[in-house]
Amino acid sequence: MTPRTRRPSRICASCDGFASVAITLGGRDRHGHLRTITADCTACDGTGFVVLRTRITREGAHA
């Protein structure tokens, strides 16, 4: 029996695989640190890839 292989995941078309980014708010705080926020891709929820869901039908099963 051949080993099962994982189906390749598809890279998100909205973020092209770069799911989280750091955006500078401009300026620095009183300690000298750069103020940033993190934004996640809304299409893939910050994972970077889209999971393809397929419907598996068994032989003899009712759809």
Protein backbone atom coordinates (compact mmCIF):
# COMPACT_ATOMS: atom_id res chain seq x y z
CA MET A 1 0.00 0.00 0.00
CA THR A 2 1.37 3.40 -0.90
CA PRO A 3 1.69 6.01 1.84
CA ARG A 4 -0.89 8.77 1.86
CA THR A 5 0.37 12.15 0.82
CA ARG A 6 -1.00 15.44 2.02
CA ARG A 7 -2.78 17.57 -0.50
CA PRO A 8 -0.70 20.70 -1.13
CA SER A 9 -2.14 23.79 0.48
CA ARG A 10 -2.93 26.79 -1.67
CA ILE A 11 -1.36 30.14 -0.92
CA CYS A 12 -3.89 32.86 -0.15
CA ALA A 13 -4.55 35.04 -3.21
CA SER A 14 -5.36 38.10 -1.10
CA CYS A 15 -2.10 38.31 0.85
CA ASP A 16 0.14 36.12 -1.35
CA GLY A 17 1.32 34.17 1.71
CA PHE A 18 2.32 37.21 3.80
CA ALA A 19 -0.56 36.94 6.26
CA SER A 20 0.62 39.24 9.07
CA VAL A 21 2.25 42.61 8.70
CA ALA A 22 3.50 45.22 11.13
CA ILE A 23 2.35 48.77 10.39
CA THR A 24 4.12 51.74 11.91
CA LEU A 25 1.93 54.40 13.47
CA GLY A 26 4.52 57.11 12.99
CA GLY A 27 6.70 58.42 15.76
CA ARG A 28 8.14 56.77 18.82
CA ASP A 29 7.03 56.36 22.42
CA ARG A 30 8.80 57.96 25.38
CA HIS A 31 11.22 55.00 25.62
CA GLY A 32 12.30 55.38 21.99
CA HIS A 33 10.47 52.32 20.68
CA LEU A 34 8.78 52.48 17.30
CA ARG A 35 5.00 52.22 17.69
CA THR A 36 3.57 49.45 15.51
CA ILE A 37 0.36 47.47 15.18
CA THR A 38 -0.11 44.01 13.66
CA ALA A 39 -2.67 43.44 10.92
CA ASP A 40 -3.79 39.99 9.77
CA CYS A 41 -5.25 39.06 6.40
CA THR A 42 -9.03 38.76 6.67
CA ALA A 43 -9.32 36.22 3.84
CA CYS A 44 -7.11 33.55 5.42
CA ASP A 45 -7.34 34.68 9.08
CA GLY A 46 -3.60 35.25 9.28
CA THR A 47 -2.48 31.78 8.26
CA GLY A 48 -1.11 32.57 4.79
CA PHE A 49 -2.85 29.76 2.97
CA VAL A 50 -6.38 28.79 2.06
CA VAL A 51 -7.60 25.31 2.91
CA LEU A 52 -9.48 23.71 0.06
CA ARG A 53 -12.47 21.80 1.30
CA THR A 54 -13.55 18.90 -0.86
CA ARG A 55 -16.59 16.77 -0.48
CA ILE A 56 -15.78 13.10 -0.21
CA THR A 57 -18.52 10.72 -1.28
CA ARG A 58 -18.29 7.07 -0.50
CA GLU A 59 -19.39 4.42 -2.87
CA GLY A 60 -23.00 3.51 -2.16
CA ALA A 61 -23.61 6.51 0.15
CA HIS A 62 -26.55 8.83 -0.35
CA ALA A 63 -25.70 12.41 -1.17
